[in-house]
Each structure stands twice: as structure tokens, then as C-alpha cells.
C-alpha atoms as a PDB file:
ATOM      1  CA  MET A   1       0.000   0.000   0.000  1.00  0.00           C
ATOM      2  CA  SER A   2       1.385   3.384  -0.960  1.00  0.00           C
ATOM      3  CA  LYS A   3       1.993   6.143   1.561  1.00  0.00           C
ATOM      4  CA  LYS A   4      -0.554   8.321  -0.241  1.00  0.00           C
ATOM      5  CA  SER A   5      -3.305   5.710   0.062  1.00  0.00           C
ATOM      6  CA  THR A   6      -2.491   5.175   3.766  1.00  0.00           C
ATOM      7  CA  ILE A   7      -2.775   8.913   4.401  1.00  0.00           C
ATOM      8  CA  GLU A   8      -6.057   9.043   2.485  1.00  0.00           C
ATOM      9  CA  GLN A   9      -7.376   6.117   4.554  1.00  0.00           C
ATOM     10  CA  LYS A  10      -6.481   7.930   7.796  1.00  0.00           C
ATOM     11  CA  LYS A  11      -8.169  11.072   6.522  1.00  0.00           C
ATOM     12  CA  GLN A  12     -11.357   9.232   5.581  1.00  0.00           C
ATOM     13  CA  HIS A  13     -11.391   7.248   8.844  1.00  0.00           C
ATOM     14  CA  ILE A  14     -11.024  10.286  11.113  1.00  0.00           C
ATOM     15  CA  ARG A  15     -13.530  12.313   9.120  1.00  0.00           C
ATOM     16  CA  ALA A  16     -15.994   9.398   9.380  1.00  0.00           C
ATOM     17  CA  LEU A  17     -15.464   9.211  13.159  1.00  0.00           C
ATOM     18  CA  ILE A  18     -16.283  12.904  13.447  1.00  0.00           C
ATOM     19  CA  ASP A  19     -19.351  12.513  11.207  1.00  0.00           C
ATOM     20  CA  LYS A  20     -20.657   9.604  13.319  1.00  0.00           C
ATOM     21  CA  ALA A  21     -19.983  11.299  16.659  1.00  0.00           C
ATOM     22  CA  SER A  22     -22.966  12.446  18.688  1.00  0.00           C
ATOM     23  CA  ALA A  23     -23.237  16.060  19.807  1.00  0.00           C
ATOM     24  CA  LEU A  24     -22.156  14.936  23.282  1.00  0.00           C
ATOM     25  CA  GLU A  25     -19.052  13.217  21.888  1.00  0.00           C
ATOM     26  CA  ILE A  26     -18.198  16.366  19.947  1.00  0.00           C
ATOM     27  CA  GLU A  27     -18.557  18.368  23.177  1.00  0.00           C
ATOM     28  CA  ILE A  28     -16.539  16.078  25.467  1.00  0.00           C
ATOM     29  CA  VAL A  29     -13.994  14.439  23.150  1.00  0.00           C
ATOM     30  CA  TRP A  30     -13.391  16.125  19.816  1.00  0.00           C
ATOM     31  CA  MET A  31     -13.575  19.824  20.740  1.00  0.00           C
ATOM     32  CA  PRO A  32     -11.451  19.545  23.905  1.00  0.00           C
ATOM     33  CA  ARG A  33      -8.773  17.612  21.991  1.00  0.00           C
ATOM     34  CA  ILE A  34      -8.328  20.270  19.314  1.00  0.00           C
ATOM     35  CA  MET A  35      -8.577  23.050  21.906  1.00  0.00           C
ATOM     36  CA  SER A  36      -5.730  21.410  23.830  1.00  0.00           C
ATOM     37  CA  ASN A  37      -3.483  22.409  20.917  1.00  0.00           C
ATOM     38  CA  GLN A  38      -4.318  26.099  21.273  1.00  0.00           C
ATOM     39  CA  THR A  39      -1.829  28.156  23.273  1.00  0.00           C
ATOM     40  CA  ASP A  40      -2.990  29.601  26.597  1.00  0.00           C
ATOM     41  CA  LEU A  41      -3.032  33.096  25.102  1.00  0.00           C
ATOM     42  CA  GLU A  42      -5.118  31.904  22.158  1.00  0.00           C
ATOM     43  CA  LYS A  43      -7.570  30.252  24.549  1.00  0.00           C
ATOM     44  CA  CYS A  44      -7.890  33.487  26.542  1.00  0.00           C
ATOM     45  CA  ARG A  45      -8.320  35.651  23.473  1.00  0.00           C
ATOM     46  CA  GLY A  46     -10.551  33.189  21.621  1.00  0.00           C
ATOM     47  CA  ASP A  47      -8.471  33.768  18.528  1.00  0.00           C
ATOM     48  CA  THR A  48      -5.504  32.302  16.691  1.00  0.00           C
ATOM     49  CA  ILE A  49      -2.331  34.336  16.953  1.00  0.00           C
ATOM     50  CA  GLU A  50       0.364  31.677  16.534  1.00  0.00           C
ATOM     51  CA  ARG A  51       1.214  30.409  13.067  1.00  0.00           C
ATOM     52  CA  ASN A  52       2.515  27.049  14.278  1.00  0.00           C
ATOM     53  CA  SER A  53       0.387  24.566  12.282  1.00  0.00           C
ATOM     54  CA  ILE A  54      -1.026  23.318  15.579  1.00  0.00           C
ATOM     55  CA  GLY A  55      -4.551  23.905  16.827  1.00  0.00           C
ATOM     56  CA  LEU A  56      -7.079  25.943  14.909  1.00  0.00           C
ATOM     57  CA  SER A  57      -6.502  28.683  12.388  1.00  0.00           C
ATOM     58  CA  GLY A  58      -8.074  32.095  11.848  1.00  0.00           C
ATOM     59  CA  VAL A  59     -11.845  32.134  11.637  1.00  0.00           C
ATOM     60  CA  ASP A  60     -12.030  28.487  12.739  1.00  0.00           C
ATOM     61  CA  GLY A  61     -10.236  29.365  15.964  1.00  0.00           C
ATOM     62  CA  ALA A  62     -12.652  32.145  16.825  1.00  0.00           C
ATOM     63  CA  PHE A  63     -15.734  30.067  15.978  1.00  0.00           C
ATOM     64  CA  ILE A  64     -14.685  26.898  17.825  1.00  0.00           C
ATOM     65  CA  SER A  65     -13.437  28.939  20.808  1.00  0.00           C
ATOM     66  CA  ASP A  66     -16.841  30.656  21.094  1.00  0.00           C
ATOM     67  CA  VAL A  67     -18.770  27.395  20.858  1.00  0.00           C
ATOM     68  CA  TYR A  68     -16.354  25.631  23.216  1.00  0.00           C
ATOM     69  CA  GLU A  69     -16.830  28.344  25.855  1.00  0.00           C
ATOM     70  CA  GLN A  70     -20.603  27.974  25.482  1.00  0.00           C
ATOM     71  CA  VAL A  71     -20.263  24.217  26.095  1.00  0.00           C
ATOM     72  CA  ARG A  72     -17.932  24.753  29.032  1.00  0.00           C
ATOM     73  CA  GLY A  73     -20.572  27.107  30.433  1.00  0.00           C
ATOM     74  CA  GLY A  74     -23.087  24.252  30.543  1.00  0.00           C
ATOM     75  CA  LYS A  75     -24.965  24.733  27.283  1.00  0.00           C
ATOM     76  CA  HIS A  76     -25.183  22.020  24.643  1.00  0.00           C
ATOM     77  CA  LEU A  77     -24.696  22.275  20.914  1.00  0.00           C
ATOM     78  CA  SER A  78     -27.748  23.008  18.829  1.00  0.00           C
ATOM     79  CA  GLY A  79     -28.257  20.850  15.737  1.00  0.00           C
ATOM     80  CA  GLY A  80     -26.935  23.619  13.521  1.00  0.00           C
ATOM     81  CA  GLN A  81     -23.900  24.188  15.711  1.00  0.00           C
ATOM     82  CA  GLU A  82     -23.163  20.458  15.780  1.00  0.00           C
ATOM     83  CA  GLN A  83     -23.086  20.297  11.985  1.00  0.00           C
ATOM     84  CA  ALA A  84     -21.005  23.475  11.679  1.00  0.00           C
ATOM     85  CA  VAL A  85     -18.510  22.276  14.297  1.00  0.00           C
ATOM     86  CA  LYS A  86     -18.178  18.887  12.578  1.00  0.00           C
ATOM     87  CA  ARG A  87     -17.472  20.623   9.245  1.00  0.00           C
ATOM     88  CA  VAL A  88     -14.698  22.644  10.862  1.00  0.00           C
ATOM     89  CA  LEU A  89     -13.191  19.777  12.876  1.00  0.00           C
ATOM     90  CA  LYS A  90     -12.956  17.512   9.836  1.00  0.00           C
ATOM     91  CA  LYS A  91     -10.504  20.003   8.299  1.00  0.00           C
ATOM     92  CA  TYR A  92      -8.094  19.181  11.139  1.00  0.00           C
ATOM     93  CA  TRP A  93      -8.031  15.419  10.557  1.00  0.00           C
ATOM     94  CA  ARG A  94      -4.215  15.374  10.304  1.00  0.00           C
ATOM     95  CA  GLN A  95      -3.839  16.928  13.764  1.00  0.00           C
ATOM     96  CA  TYR A  96      -6.279  14.390  15.177  1.00  0.00           C
ATOM     97  CA  ALA A  97      -4.254  11.594  13.533  1.00  0.00           C
ATOM     98  CA  ASN A  98      -1.096  12.944  15.168  1.00  0.00           C
ATOM     99  CA  MET A  99      -2.819  13.241  18.557  1.00  0.00           C
ATOM    100  CA  MET A 100      -4.155   9.683  18.289  1.00  0.00           C
ATOM    101  CA  HIS A 101      -0.690   8.432  17.401  1.00  0.00           C
ATOM    102  CA  ASP A 102       0.758  10.234  20.433  1.00  0.00           C
ATOM    103  CA  ASP A 103      -2.018   8.825  22.650  1.00  0.00           C
ATOM    104  CA  VAL A 104      -1.183   5.286  21.589  1.00  0.00           C
ATOM    105  CA  LYS A 105       2.533   5.945  21.992  1.00  0.00           C
ATOM    106  CA  HIS A 106       1.931   7.214  25.535  1.00  0.00           C
ATOM    107  CA  LYS A 107      -0.751   4.571  26.240  1.00  0.00           C
ATOM    108  CA  GLN A 108      -3.472   7.084  26.968  1.00  0.00           C
ATOM    109  CA  VAL A 109      -7.070   5.920  26.861  1.00  0.00           C
ATOM    110  CA  TYR A 110      -8.912   6.981  23.739  1.00  0.00           C
ATOM    111  CA  ILE A 111     -12.658   6.862  23.068  1.00  0.00           C
ATOM    112  CA  HIS A 112     -13.702   5.130  19.833  1.00  0.00           C
ATOM    113  CA  THR A 113     -17.077   5.748  18.245  1.00  0.00           C
END
């Protein structure tokens, strides 16, 4: 199997996991994982200021930060928010693949859907 097809398989697999995830799984697994890659300053500002290819970029950072703060405040995603968040998170499949690889390497527990 070529490297390109392996990468494409990872991409499709992670995107499918995000698509199949419930709103609750998005709130407690997928959003916190990508937010963990934001710097502390970015989390405080709710914006992306680092150009480090880690975490969220530009408009995505502001949107996910706003929704994540809403969830942390005890509110749940609406149906529209869930779909919008999934669309954004699927763009970051490569970061999720790297995080999953690191989790396995460090033997951290990981939730499968």
C-alpha cells in the first residue's frame, strides 16, 4: 500500500469518526482535543495568533473557541452548531491523527465511536 493511500485512509477514517460522533461526543472528546493544541493566550483571546500549524486557524479558531466556551458554560450544541462544528473539525483530521498516534505511543485511553 502506498503512503498516499495510507494517508487518504487515515483522513477518511477520522472524518468518518467525526461525522458519526454524537453532539455529546463532539462536546466532550473532539472539541477539547483540538482546543488542547491552542496556546494559553489563544484560549484566553478566543483567537488564533500563533502560526505554528497546531490547533485551529483564523476564523475556525474564533468560531470553535466561542462554541467551546458555550459548552464549558453548561450549554449544549444546537443541531446547527453540531453540523457546523463537525465541518470545521474535519478540516483538522491530520492533527487528530497525530494526537491519536501520540495517545497510543503514551498509552493514553482513547474513546472510539
